[in-house]
Amino acid sequence: MAGIDWNVEAGAVPWATDYYNATDEESSGANGFEVTEVSLQATKELPVTTSFTLPVFARVTWNPATEGAYFVFGLSLGF
């Protein structure tokens, strides 16, 4: 996979909070350290002309605290 830049990230909350996993029936949330994001991103510059490239990316993110998964695709424009 030549020309693709890979990036891995992880995020966590180190303290107790009601934000993660809290429901109407149970408001316990996170009782302490909790992983809130694990993601993998791939970035590639696509050639449009001989002098212009378009940086695009795709990212897969999983939040084990909320059991949510997300896919994001985008492009970057710099001025």
Protein backbone atom coordinates (compact mmCIF):
# COMPACT_ATOMS: atom_id res chain seq x y z
CA MET A 1 0.00 0.00 0.00
CA ALA A 2 2.50 2.53 -1.22
CA GLY A 3 1.76 6.20 -0.70
CA ILE A 4 -0.70 5.67 2.15
CA ASP A 5 0.03 7.22 5.55
CA TRP A 6 -1.41 5.30 8.50
CA ASN A 7 -2.28 6.75 11.90
CA VAL A 8 -3.47 4.91 15.02
CA GLU A 9 -4.99 6.72 18.00
CA ALA A 10 -6.43 5.78 21.37
CA GLY A 11 -8.23 7.87 23.96
CA ALA A 12 -9.36 7.31 27.53
CA VAL A 13 -11.03 8.99 30.47
CA PRO A 14 -9.07 8.53 33.72
CA TRP A 15 -11.83 9.32 36.23
CA ALA A 16 -15.39 8.33 37.06
CA THR A 17 -18.08 9.99 34.96
CA ASP A 18 -21.79 9.50 34.19
CA TYR A 19 -21.27 10.35 30.50
CA TYR A 20 -20.25 6.88 29.29
CA ASN A 21 -22.62 3.91 29.42
CA ALA A 22 -25.23 5.86 31.39
CA THR A 23 -28.85 5.02 30.56
CA ASP A 24 -32.22 6.09 31.94
CA GLU A 25 -32.36 2.86 33.98
CA GLU A 26 -28.73 2.93 35.15
CA SER A 27 -26.65 6.05 35.56
CA SER A 28 -23.42 4.46 36.78
CA GLY A 29 -21.32 5.51 33.77
CA ALA A 30 -17.58 4.88 33.95
CA ASN A 31 -16.34 3.96 37.42
CA GLY A 32 -12.75 4.93 36.64
CA PHE A 33 -10.30 4.51 33.80
CA GLU A 34 -12.18 3.71 30.58
CA VAL A 35 -10.99 3.50 26.97
CA THR A 36 -13.19 5.83 24.91
CA GLU A 37 -11.61 5.71 21.44
CA VAL A 38 -9.57 3.36 19.28
CA SER A 39 -9.13 4.53 15.69
CA LEU A 40 -7.24 3.79 12.50
CA GLN A 41 -6.85 6.43 9.75
CA ALA A 42 -5.43 6.13 6.25
CA THR A 43 -4.43 9.26 4.29
CA LYS A 44 -3.42 9.48 0.62
CA GLU A 45 -2.76 12.34 -1.77
CA LEU A 46 -4.62 11.74 -5.04
CA PRO A 47 -3.10 13.45 -8.08
CA VAL A 48 -5.62 15.67 -9.90
CA THR A 49 -3.18 17.42 -12.24
CA THR A 50 0.60 17.36 -12.51
CA SER A 51 0.82 20.23 -10.01
CA PHE A 52 -2.19 19.61 -7.74
CA THR A 53 -3.00 16.75 -5.39
CA LEU A 54 -6.07 16.22 -3.24
CA PRO A 55 -5.40 14.79 0.24
CA VAL A 56 -8.19 12.35 1.19
CA PHE A 57 -8.61 10.24 4.31
CA ALA A 58 -10.71 7.40 5.68
CA ARG A 59 -11.02 6.74 9.39
CA VAL A 60 -12.57 3.91 11.40
CA THR A 61 -13.26 4.69 15.06
CA TRP A 62 -14.56 2.39 17.78
CA ASN A 63 -15.66 3.57 21.22
CA PRO A 64 -15.63 0.57 23.57
CA ALA A 65 -17.22 2.64 26.37
CA THR A 66 -20.40 3.30 24.37
CA GLU A 67 -19.98 0.34 21.97
CA GLY A 68 -20.29 2.74 19.04
CA ALA A 69 -18.41 2.42 15.76
CA TYR A 70 -17.98 5.13 13.13
CA PHE A 71 -16.58 5.48 9.62
CA VAL A 72 -15.49 8.91 8.36
CA PHE A 73 -14.30 9.84 4.89
CA GLY A 74 -13.09 13.31 3.96
CA LEU A 75 -10.71 15.54 2.09
CA SER A 76 -8.44 18.40 3.07
CA LEU A 77 -8.27 21.75 1.35
CA GLY A 78 -5.42 24.05 2.26
CA PHE A 79 -5.30 27.71 1.30
